[in-house]
PDB file of N, CA and C in Angstrom:
ATOM      1  N   MET A   1     241.824  55.505  85.597  1.00  0.00           N
ATOM      2  CA  MET A   1     242.306  54.687  86.702  1.00  0.00           C
ATOM      3  C   MET A   1     241.153  53.859  87.283  1.00  0.00           C
ATOM      4  N   GLN A   2     239.974  54.463  87.433  1.00  0.00           N
ATOM      5  CA  GLN A   2     238.844  53.743  88.002  1.00  0.00           C
ATOM      6  C   GLN A   2     238.386  52.605  87.081  1.00  0.00           C
ATOM      7  N   ILE A   3     238.502  52.813  85.773  1.00  0.00           N
ATOM      8  CA  ILE A   3     238.107  51.765  84.836  1.00  0.00           C
ATOM      9  C   ILE A   3     239.045  50.572  84.970  1.00  0.00           C
ATOM     10  N   ARG A   4     240.323  50.799  85.156  1.00  0.00           N
ATOM     11  CA  ARG A   4     241.278  49.699  85.343  1.00  0.00           C
ATOM     12  C   ARG A   4     240.958  48.909  86.610  1.00  0.00           C
ATOM     13  N   ILE A   5     240.655  49.621  87.673  1.00  0.00           N
ATOM     14  CA  ILE A   5     240.295  48.940  88.942  1.00  0.00           C
ATOM     15  C   ILE A   5     239.023  48.129  88.750  1.00  0.00           C
ATOM     16  N   LEU A   6     238.042  48.709  88.044  1.00  0.00           N
ATOM     17  CA  LEU A   6     236.790  47.979  87.799  1.00  0.00           C
ATOM     18  C   LEU A   6     237.025  46.721  86.979  1.00  0.00           C
ATOM     19  N   ILE A   7     237.826  46.825  85.926  1.00  0.00           N
ATOM     20  CA  ILE A   7     238.108  45.683  85.069  1.00  0.00           C
ATOM     21  C   ILE A   7     238.872  44.619  85.862  1.00  0.00           C
ATOM     22  N   LEU A   8     239.860  45.007  86.628  1.00  0.00           N
ATOM     23  CA  LEU A   8     240.608  44.074  87.448  1.00  0.00           C
ATOM     24  C   LEU A   8     239.689  43.399  88.474  1.00  0.00           C
ATOM     25  N   SER A   9     238.819  44.153  89.076  1.00  0.00           N
ATOM     26  CA  SER A   9     237.868  43.582  90.046  1.00  0.00           C
ATOM     27  C   SER A   9     236.947  42.567  89.388  1.00  0.00           C
ATOM     28  N   LEU A  10     236.472  42.856  88.185  1.00  0.00           N
ATOM     29  CA  LEU A  10     235.594  41.933  87.486  1.00  0.00           C
ATOM     30  C   LEU A  10     236.321  40.670  87.103  1.00  0.00           C
ATOM     31  N   LEU A  11     237.566  40.790  86.689  1.00  0.00           N
ATOM     32  CA  LEU A  11     238.362  39.603  86.343  1.00  0.00           C
ATOM     33  C   LEU A  11     238.567  38.742  87.571  1.00  0.00           C
ATOM     34  N   MET A  12     238.884  39.332  88.687  1.00  0.00           N
ATOM     35  CA  MET A  12     239.101  38.571  89.914  1.00  0.00           C
ATOM     36  C   MET A  12     237.811  37.900  90.362  1.00  0.00           C
ATOM     37  N   LEU A  13     236.710  38.608  90.233  1.00  0.00           N
ATOM     38  CA  LEU A  13     235.414  38.070  90.636  1.00  0.00           C
ATOM     39  C   LEU A  13     235.037  36.886  89.748  1.00  0.00           C
ATOM     40  N   SER A  14     235.263  36.983  88.438  1.00  0.00           N
ATOM     41  CA  SER A  14     234.937  35.890  87.533  1.00  0.00           C
ATOM     42  C   SER A  14     235.795  34.667  87.808  1.00  0.00           C
ATOM     43  N   ALA A  15     237.033  34.883  88.247  1.00  0.00           N
ATOM     44  CA  ALA A  15     237.908  33.744  88.576  1.00  0.00           C
ATOM     45  C   ALA A  15     237.375  32.990  89.784  1.00  0.00           C
ATOM     46  N   CYS A  16     236.713  33.695  90.699  1.00  0.00           N
ATOM     47  CA  CYS A  16     236.169  33.067  91.901  1.00  0.00           C
ATOM     48  C   CYS A  16     234.975  32.174  91.568  1.00  0.00           C
ATOM     49  N   PHE A  17     234.273  32.462  90.478  1.00  0.00           N
ATOM     50  CA  PHE A  17     233.086  31.720  90.115  1.00  0.00           C
ATOM     51  C   PHE A  17     233.331  30.625  89.080  1.00  0.00           C
ATOM     52  N   THR A  18     234.595  30.413  88.717  1.00  0.00           N
ATOM     53  CA  THR A  18     234.917  29.363  87.762  1.00  0.00           C
ATOM     54  C   THR A  18     234.585  28.018  88.434  1.00  0.00           C
ATOM     55  N   GLN A  19     233.731  27.258  87.779  1.00  0.00           N
ATOM     56  CA  GLN A  19     233.324  25.998  88.377  1.00  0.00           C
ATOM     57  C   GLN A  19     234.251  24.870  87.961  1.00  0.00           C
ATOM     58  N   ALA A  20     234.472  23.989  88.901  1.00  0.00           N
ATOM     59  CA  ALA A  20     235.251  22.806  88.643  1.00  0.00           C
ATOM     60  C   ALA A  20     234.393  21.824  87.817  1.00  0.00           C
ATOM     61  N   ALA A  21     235.073  21.045  87.033  1.00  0.00           N
ATOM     62  CA  ALA A  21     234.387  20.009  86.230  1.00  0.00           C
ATOM     63  C   ALA A  21     234.418  18.674  86.957  1.00  0.00           C
ATOM     64  N   GLU A  22     233.446  17.821  86.635  1.00  0.00           N
ATOM     65  CA  GLU A  22     233.443  16.463  87.174  1.00  0.00           C
ATOM     66  C   GLU A  22     233.609  15.496  86.022  1.00  0.00           C
ATOM     67  N   PHE A  23     234.539  14.570  86.205  1.00  0.00           N
ATOM     68  CA  PHE A  23     234.826  13.552  85.198  1.00  0.00           C
ATOM     69  C   PHE A  23     234.437  12.210  85.768  1.00  0.00           C
ATOM     70  N   THR A  24     234.076  11.258  84.889  1.00  0.00           N
ATOM     71  CA  THR A  24     233.690   9.932  85.321  1.00  0.00           C
ATOM     72  C   THR A  24     234.683   8.919  84.775  1.00  0.00           C
ATOM     73  N   VAL A  25     235.142   8.059  85.668  1.00  0.00           N
ATOM     74  CA  VAL A  25     236.020   6.948  85.293  1.00  0.00           C
ATOM     75  C   VAL A  25     235.293   5.672  85.689  1.00  0.00           C
ATOM     76  N   GLY A  26     235.061   4.812  84.683  1.00  0.00           N
ATOM     77  CA  GLY A  26     234.405   3.545  84.947  1.00  0.00           C
ATOM     78  C   GLY A  26     235.438   2.483  85.315  1.00  0.00           C
ATOM     79  N   GLN A  27     234.948   1.465  85.983  1.00  0.00           N
ATOM     80  CA  GLN A  27     235.737   0.280  86.272  1.00  0.00           C
ATOM     81  C   GLN A  27     234.972  -0.883  85.637  1.00  0.00           C
ATOM     82  N   THR A  28     235.421  -1.283  84.481  1.00  0.00           N
ATOM     83  CA  THR A  28     234.697  -2.252  83.664  1.00  0.00           C
ATOM     84  C   THR A  28     235.643  -3.331  83.159  1.00  0.00           C
ATOM     85  N   ASN A  29     235.263  -4.586  83.322  1.00  0.00           N
ATOM     86  CA  ASN A  29     236.090  -5.741  82.861  1.00  0.00           C
ATOM     87  C   ASN A  29     237.510  -5.634  83.406  1.00  0.00           C
ATOM     88  N   LYS A  30     237.631  -5.312  84.695  1.00  0.00           N
ATOM     89  CA  LYS A  30     238.913  -5.161  85.403  1.00  0.00           C
ATOM     90  C   LYS A  30     239.829  -4.161  84.721  1.00  0.00           C
ATOM     91  N   ALA A  31     239.262  -3.052  84.265  1.00  0.00           N
ATOM     92  CA  ALA A  31     240.034  -1.983  83.663  1.00  0.00           C
ATOM     93  C   ALA A  31     239.408  -0.624  83.969  1.00  0.00           C
ATOM     94  N   PHE A  32     240.240   0.398  84.100  1.00  0.00           N
ATOM     95  CA  PHE A  32     239.742   1.748  84.210  1.00  0.00           C
ATOM     96  C   PHE A  32     239.387   2.243  82.813  1.00  0.00           C
ATOM     97  N   THR A  33     238.271   2.930  82.689  1.00  0.00           N
ATOM     98  CA  THR A  33     237.868   3.500  81.397  1.00  0.00           C
ATOM     99  C   THR A  33     237.528   4.989  81.631  1.00  0.00           C
ATOM    100  N   PRO A  34     238.359   5.872  81.136  1.00  0.00           N
ATOM    101  CA  PRO A  34     239.560   5.678  80.319  1.00  0.00           C
ATOM    102  C   PRO A  34     240.764   5.317  81.168  1.00  0.00           C
ATOM    103  N   THR A  35     241.877   5.012  80.510  1.00  0.00           N
ATOM    104  CA  THR A  35     243.114   4.695  81.247  1.00  0.00           C
ATOM    105  C   THR A  35     243.992   5.917  81.470  1.00  0.00           C
ATOM    106  N   THR A  36     243.702   6.987  80.733  1.00  0.00           N
ATOM    107  CA  THR A  36     244.383   8.264  80.951  1.00  0.00           C
ATOM    108  C   THR A  36     243.342   9.390  80.964  1.00  0.00           C
ATOM    109  N   LEU A  37     243.618  10.392  81.735  1.00  0.00           N
ATOM    110  CA  LEU A  37     242.676  11.510  81.869  1.00  0.00           C
ATOM    111  C   LEU A  37     243.466  12.759  82.193  1.00  0.00           C
ATOM    112  N   THR A  38     243.111  13.888  81.564  1.00  0.00           N
ATOM    113  CA  THR A  38     243.734  15.171  81.863  1.00  0.00           C
ATOM    114  C   THR A  38     242.653  16.090  82.388  1.00  0.00           C
ATOM    115  N   ILE A  39     242.891  16.639  83.572  1.00  0.00           N
ATOM    116  CA  ILE A  39     241.917  17.504  84.240  1.00  0.00           C
ATOM    117  C   ILE A  39     242.637  18.753  84.720  1.00  0.00           C
ATOM    118  N   LYS A  40     241.855  19.670  85.307  1.00  0.00           N
ATOM    119  CA  LYS A  40     242.419  20.908  85.866  1.00  0.00           C
ATOM    120  C   LYS A  40     242.357  20.837  87.402  1.00  0.00           C
ATOM    121  N   LYS A  41     243.191  21.637  88.040  1.00  0.00           N
ATOM    122  CA  LYS A  41     243.135  21.726  89.504  1.00  0.00           C
ATOM    123  C   LYS A  41     241.746  22.090  89.942  1.00  0.00           C
ATOM    124  N   GLY A  42     241.263  21.412  90.964  1.00  0.00           N
ATOM    125  CA  GLY A  42     239.929  21.692  91.486  1.00  0.00           C
ATOM    126  C   GLY A  42     238.856  20.756  90.912  1.00  0.00           C
ATOM    127  N   ASP A  43     239.174  20.080  89.804  1.00  0.00           N
ATOM    128  CA  ASP A  43     238.200  19.148  89.202  1.00  0.00           C
ATOM    129  C   ASP A  43     238.051  17.894  90.084  1.00  0.00           C
ATOM    130  N   THR A  44     236.912  17.246  89.888  1.00  0.00           N
ATOM    131  CA  THR A  44     236.680  15.991  90.612  1.00  0.00           C
ATOM    132  C   THR A  44     236.565  14.848  89.622  1.00  0.00           C
ATOM    133  N   VAL A  45     236.867  13.641  90.126  1.00  0.00           N
ATOM    134  CA  VAL A  45     236.742  12.412  89.331  1.00  0.00           C
ATOM    135  C   VAL A  45     235.861  11.461  90.124  1.00  0.00           C
ATOM    136  N   LYS A  46     234.819  10.989  89.451  1.00  0.00           N
ATOM    137  CA  LYS A  46     233.905  10.006  90.034  1.00  0.00           C
ATOM    138  C   LYS A  46     234.300   8.636  89.514  1.00  0.00           C
ATOM    139  N   PHE A  47     234.687   7.738  90.407  1.00  0.00           N
ATOM    140  CA  PHE A  47     235.069   6.385  90.069  1.00  0.00           C
ATOM    141  C   PHE A  47     233.848   5.484  90.285  1.00  0.00           C
ATOM    142  N   ILE A  48     233.320   4.927  89.210  1.00  0.00           N
ATOM    143  CA  ILE A  48     232.112   4.089  89.276  1.00  0.00           C
ATOM    144  C   ILE A  48     232.494   2.625  89.010  1.00  0.00           C
ATOM    145  N   ASN A  49     232.035   1.762  89.894  1.00  0.00           N
ATOM    146  CA  ASN A  49     232.282   0.327  89.718  1.00  0.00           C
ATOM    147  C   ASN A  49     231.162  -0.273  88.858  1.00  0.00           C
ATOM    148  N   ASN A  50     231.513  -0.693  87.633  1.00  0.00           N
ATOM    149  CA  ASN A  50     230.528  -1.314  86.725  1.00  0.00           C
ATOM    150  C   ASN A  50     230.679  -2.834  86.687  1.00  0.00           C
ATOM    151  N   ASP A  51     231.615  -3.378  87.440  1.00  0.00           N
ATOM    152  CA  ASP A  51     231.843  -4.815  87.463  1.00  0.00           C
ATOM    153  C   ASP A  51     231.006  -5.496  88.545  1.00  0.00           C
ATOM    154  N   ALA A  52     230.825  -6.799  88.410  1.00  0.00           N
ATOM    155  CA  ALA A  52     230.002  -7.577  89.329  1.00  0.00           C
ATOM    156  C   ALA A  52     230.790  -7.931  90.612  1.00  0.00           C
ATOM    157  N   PHE A  53     231.982  -7.367  90.780  1.00  0.00           N
ATOM    158  CA  PHE A  53     232.826  -7.664  91.940  1.00  0.00           C
ATOM    159  C   PHE A  53     233.383  -6.342  92.483  1.00  0.00           C
ATOM    160  N   PHE A  54     233.973  -6.418  93.654  1.00  0.00           N
ATOM    161  CA  PHE A  54     234.493  -5.243  94.330  1.00  0.00           C
ATOM    162  C   PHE A  54     235.782  -4.719  93.662  1.00  0.00           C
ATOM    163  N   HIS A  55     235.967  -3.396  93.789  1.00  0.00           N
ATOM    164  CA  HIS A  55     237.223  -2.745  93.421  1.00  0.00           C
ATOM    165  C   HIS A  55     237.644  -1.864  94.596  1.00  0.00           C
ATOM    166  N   ASN A  56     238.964  -1.567  94.659  1.00  0.00           N
ATOM    167  CA  ASN A  56     239.495  -0.678  95.686  1.00  0.00           C
ATOM    168  C   ASN A  56     240.458   0.267  94.988  1.00  0.00           C
ATOM    169  N   VAL A  57     240.009   1.469  94.713  1.00  0.00           N
ATOM    170  CA  VAL A  57     240.796   2.467  93.974  1.00  0.00           C
ATOM    171  C   VAL A  57     241.667   3.238  94.956  1.00  0.00           C
ATOM    172  N   PHE A  58     242.955   3.376  94.588  1.00  0.00           N
ATOM    173  CA  PHE A  58     243.885   4.143  95.443  1.00  0.00           C
ATOM    174  C   PHE A  58     244.980   4.774  94.626  1.00  0.00           C
ATOM    175  N   SER A  59     245.687   5.721  95.247  1.00  0.00           N
ATOM    176  CA  SER A  59     246.875   6.339  94.682  1.00  0.00           C
ATOM    177  C   SER A  59     247.868   6.623  95.783  1.00  0.00           C
ATOM    178  N   LEU A  60     249.118   6.278  95.546  1.00  0.00           N
ATOM    179  CA  LEU A  60     250.221   6.590  96.464  1.00  0.00           C
ATOM    180  C   LEU A  60     251.022   7.794  95.976  1.00  0.00           C
ATOM    181  N   SER A  61     250.511   8.475  94.956  1.00  0.00           N
ATOM    182  CA  SER A  61     251.208   9.596  94.350  1.00  0.00           C
ATOM    183  C   SER A  61     251.337  10.766  95.319  1.00  0.00           C
ATOM    184  N   ASP A  62     252.466  11.479  95.223  1.00  0.00           N
ATOM    185  CA  ASP A  62     252.661  12.661  96.061  1.00  0.00           C
ATOM    186  C   ASP A  62     251.660  13.768  95.746  1.00  0.00           C
ATOM    187  N   VAL A  63     251.234  13.847  94.490  1.00  0.00           N
ATOM    188  CA  VAL A  63     250.273  14.881  94.069  1.00  0.00           C
ATOM    189  C   VAL A  63     248.920  14.674  94.725  1.00  0.00           C
ATOM    190  N   LYS A  64     248.500  13.412  94.782  1.00  0.00           N
ATOM    191  CA  LYS A  64     247.199  13.098  95.426  1.00  0.00           C
ATOM    192  C   LYS A  64     247.262  11.689  95.982  1.00  0.00           C
ATOM    193  N   PHE A  65     247.314  11.572  97.281  1.00  0.00           N
ATOM    194  CA  PHE A  65     247.338  10.317  97.983  1.00  0.00           C
ATOM    195  C   PHE A  65     245.921  10.016  98.467  1.00  0.00           C
ATOM    196  N   PHE A  66     245.352   8.847  98.081  1.00  0.00           N
ATOM    197  CA  PHE A  66     244.014   8.486  98.534  1.00  0.00           C
ATOM    198  C   PHE A  66     243.797   6.976  98.461  1.00  0.00           C
ATOM    199  N   ASP A  67     242.877   6.506  99.248  1.00  0.00           N
ATOM    200  CA  ASP A  67     242.442   5.099  99.228  1.00  0.00           C
ATOM    201  C   ASP A  67     240.917   5.118  99.447  1.00  0.00           C
ATOM    202  N   LEU A  68     240.187   4.721  98.403  1.00  0.00           N
ATOM    203  CA  LEU A  68     238.732   4.812  98.451  1.00  0.00           C
ATOM    204  C   LEU A  68     238.086   3.596  99.106  1.00  0.00           C
ATOM    205  N   GLY A  69     238.872   2.616  99.499  1.00  0.00           N
ATOM    206  CA  GLY A  69     238.318   1.415 100.102  1.00  0.00           C
ATOM    207  C   GLY A  69     237.606   0.569  99.064  1.00  0.00           C
ATOM    208  N   SER A  70     237.113  -0.573  99.489  1.00  0.00           N
ATOM    209  CA  SER A  70     236.410  -1.491  98.571  1.00  0.00           C
ATOM    210  C   SER A  70     234.955  -1.056  98.401  1.00  0.00           C
ATOM    211  N   PHE A  71     234.472  -1.141  97.155  1.00  0.00           N
ATOM    212  CA  PHE A  71     233.043  -0.837  96.934  1.00  0.00           C
ATOM    213  C   PHE A  71     232.527  -1.664  95.774  1.00  0.00           C
ATOM    214  N   PRO A  72     231.241  -2.082  95.872  1.00  0.00           N
ATOM    215  CA  PRO A  72     230.652  -3.049  94.943  1.00  0.00           C
ATOM    216  C   PRO A  72     230.087  -2.378  93.678  1.00  0.00           C
ATOM    217  N   LYS A  73     229.567  -3.234  92.830  1.00  0.00           N
ATOM    218  CA  LYS A  73     228.949  -2.794  91.572  1.00  0.00           C
ATOM    219  C   LYS A  73     227.860  -1.752  91.848  1.00  0.00           C
ATOM    220  N   GLY A  74     227.866  -0.709  90.999  1.00  0.00           N
ATOM    221  CA  GLY A  74     226.838   0.323  91.097  1.00  0.00           C
ATOM    222  C   GLY A  74     227.192   1.451  92.018  1.00  0.00           C
ATOM    223  N   GLU A  75     228.187   1.279  92.869  1.00  0.00           N
ATOM    224  CA  GLU A  75     228.560   2.355  93.774  1.00  0.00           C
ATOM    225  C   GLU A  75     229.686   3.174  93.170  1.00  0.00           C
ATOM    226  N   PHE A  76     229.853   4.373  93.696  1.00  0.00           N
ATOM    227  CA  PHE A  76     230.931   5.253  93.212  1.00  0.00           C
ATOM    228  C   PHE A  76     231.531   6.018  94.372  1.00  0.00           C
ATOM    229  N   LYS A  77     232.744   6.529  94.134  1.00  0.00           N
ATOM    230  CA  LYS A  77     233.446   7.366  95.070  1.00  0.00           C
ATOM    231  C   LYS A  77     233.997   8.553  94.270  1.00  0.00           C
ATOM    232  N   ILE A  78     234.093   9.711  94.915  1.00  0.00           N
ATOM    233  CA  ILE A  78     234.526  10.927  94.247  1.00  0.00           C
ATOM    234  C   ILE A  78     235.814  11.464  94.913  1.00  0.00           C
ATOM    235  N   VAL A  79     236.743  11.902  94.074  1.00  0.00           N
ATOM    236  CA  VAL A  79     238.021  12.467  94.551  1.00  0.00           C
ATOM    237  C   VAL A  79     238.189  13.825  93.884  1.00  0.00           C
ATOM    238  N   THR A  80     238.578  14.826  94.694  1.00  0.00           N
ATOM    239  CA  THR A  80     238.898  16.144  94.183  1.00  0.00           C
ATOM    240  C   THR A  80     240.407  16.301  94.104  1.00  0.00           C
ATOM    241  N   PHE A  81     240.894  16.824  92.988  1.00  0.00           N
ATOM    242  CA  PHE A  81     242.330  16.983  92.750  1.00  0.00           C
ATOM    243  C   PHE A  81     242.699  18.463  92.833  1.00  0.00           C
ATOM    244  N   GLU A  82     243.401  18.850  93.920  1.00  0.00           N
ATOM    245  CA  GLU A  82     243.723  20.243  94.180  1.00  0.00           C
ATOM    246  C   GLU A  82     245.037  20.688  93.607  1.00  0.00           C
ATOM    247  N   ASP A  83     245.990  19.761  93.408  1.00  0.00           N
ATOM    248  CA  ASP A  83     247.354  20.125  93.003  1.00  0.00           C
ATOM    249  C   ASP A  83     247.675  19.598  91.622  1.00  0.00           C
ATOM    250  N   ALA A  84     248.535  20.334  90.922  1.00  0.00           N
ATOM    251  CA  ALA A  84     248.970  19.938  89.563  1.00  0.00           C
ATOM    252  C   ALA A  84     250.033  18.830  89.653  1.00  0.00           C
ATOM    253  N   GLY A  85     250.013  17.974  88.641  1.00  0.00           N
ATOM    254  CA  GLY A  85     250.995  16.897  88.550  1.00  0.00           C
ATOM    255  C   GLY A  85     250.395  15.632  87.975  1.00  0.00           C
ATOM    256  N   VAL A  86     251.140  14.563  88.073  1.00  0.00           N
ATOM    257  CA  VAL A  86     250.711  13.258  87.546  1.00  0.00           C
ATOM    258  C   VAL A  86     250.334  12.340  88.710  1.00  0.00           C
ATOM    259  N   VAL A  87     249.175  11.722  88.597  1.00  0.00           N
ATOM    260  CA  VAL A  87     248.668  10.832  89.636  1.00  0.00           C
ATOM    261  C   VAL A  87     248.503   9.434  89.065  1.00  0.00           C
ATOM    262  N   ASP A  88     249.218   8.478  89.616  1.00  0.00           N
ATOM    263  CA  ASP A  88     249.043   7.060  89.241  1.00  0.00           C
ATOM    264  C   ASP A  88     247.945   6.451  90.077  1.00  0.00           C
ATOM    265  N   VAL A  89     246.954   5.840  89.409  1.00  0.00           N
ATOM    266  CA  VAL A  89     245.803   5.280  90.101  1.00  0.00           C
ATOM    267  C   VAL A  89     245.799   3.776  89.842  1.00  0.00           C
ATOM    268  N   GLU A  90     245.483   3.002  90.902  1.00  0.00           N
ATOM    269  CA  GLU A  90     245.460   1.546  90.794  1.00  0.00           C
ATOM    270  C   GLU A  90     244.293   0.970  91.574  1.00  0.00           C
ATOM    271  N   CYS A  91     244.079  -0.310  91.390  1.00  0.00           N
ATOM    272  CA  CYS A  91     243.078  -1.058  92.192  1.00  0.00           C
ATOM    273  C   CYS A  91     243.843  -2.032  93.072  1.00  0.00           C
ATOM    274  N   ALA A  92     243.595  -2.009  94.380  1.00  0.00           N
ATOM    275  CA  ALA A  92     244.313  -2.867  95.326  1.00  0.00           C
ATOM    276  C   ALA A  92     243.919  -4.353  95.139  1.00  0.00           C
ATOM    277  N   ILE A  93     242.738  -4.587  94.570  1.00  0.00           N
ATOM    278  CA  ILE A  93     242.265  -5.958  94.398  1.00  0.00           C
ATOM    279  C   ILE A  93     242.738  -6.554  93.079  1.00  0.00           C
ATOM    280  N   HIS A  94     242.817  -5.741  92.045  1.00  0.00           N
ATOM    281  CA  HIS A  94     243.211  -6.157  90.712  1.00  0.00           C
ATOM    282  C   HIS A  94     244.438  -5.361  90.262  1.00  0.00           C
ATOM    283  N   PRO A  95     245.638  -5.874  90.527  1.00  0.00           N
ATOM    284  CA  PRO A  95     246.874  -5.108  90.258  1.00  0.00           C
ATOM    285  C   PRO A  95     247.103  -4.746  88.784  1.00  0.00           C
ATOM    286  N   GLU A  96     246.373  -5.423  87.868  1.00  0.00           N
ATOM    287  CA  GLU A  96     246.535  -5.088  86.456  1.00  0.00           C
ATOM    288  C   GLU A  96     245.768  -3.810  86.092  1.00  0.00           C
ATOM    289  N   MET A  97     244.904  -3.335  86.986  1.00  0.00           N
ATOM    290  CA  MET A  97     244.161  -2.095  86.762  1.00  0.00           C
ATOM    291  C   MET A  97     245.014  -0.891  87.116  1.00  0.00           C
ATOM    292  N   LYS A  98     245.354  -0.099  86.096  1.00  0.00           N
ATOM    293  CA  LYS A  98     246.147   1.109  86.305  1.00  0.00           C
ATOM    294  C   LYS A  98     245.656   2.222  85.404  1.00  0.00           C
ATOM    295  N   MET A  99     245.778   3.442  85.858  1.00  0.00           N
ATOM    296  CA  MET A  99     245.474   4.599  85.022  1.00  0.00           C
ATOM    297  C   MET A  99     246.320   5.771  85.477  1.00  0.00           C
ATOM    298  N   ILE A 100     246.405   6.782  84.611  1.00  0.00           N
ATOM    299  CA  ILE A 100     247.152   8.003  84.930  1.00  0.00           C
ATOM    300  C   ILE A 100     246.221   9.183  84.764  1.00  0.00           C
ATOM    301  N   ILE A 101     246.209  10.041  85.818  1.00  0.00           N
ATOM    302  CA  ILE A 101     245.452  11.280  85.766  1.00  0.00           C
ATOM    303  C   ILE A 101     246.472  12.434  85.800  1.00  0.00           C
ATOM    304  N   THR A 102     246.443  13.271  84.796  1.00  0.00           N
ATOM    305  CA  THR A 102     247.318  14.442  84.725  1.00  0.00           C
ATOM    306  C   THR A 102     246.494  15.645  85.146  1.00  0.00           C
ATOM    307  N   VAL A 103     246.942  16.332  86.182  1.00  0.00           N
ATOM    308  CA  VAL A 103     246.224  17.515  86.684  1.00  0.00           C
ATOM    309  C   VAL A 103     247.042  18.749  86.293  1.00  0.00           C
ATOM    310  N   LYS A 104     246.381  19.652  85.554  1.00  0.00           N
ATOM    311  CA  LYS A 104     247.067  20.875  85.082  1.00  0.00           C
ATOM    312  C   LYS A 104     246.634  22.093  85.872  1.00  0.00           C
TER     313      LYS A 104
END
């Protein structure tokens, strides 16, 4: 019985120390790179502007609603995704810029 409790305790403890991953999404030539991304709950995505002009990354998705505001070349913003589902991401300045993030 004590061994079961010990094993269960170790499993629970290891779950607490599972680190979230960080992914990078570029904004290059008025496009998100990549255009699709699959991540896990708790992971973060760093949106980096590689273009010589401003971008404004946002999502109106129920899974993750955010608006990062406008930011210039070389700057980045980070978003953490806590809930599972599909997140549609767009640029408010360049409506042709779209991507999908699937959170598992």
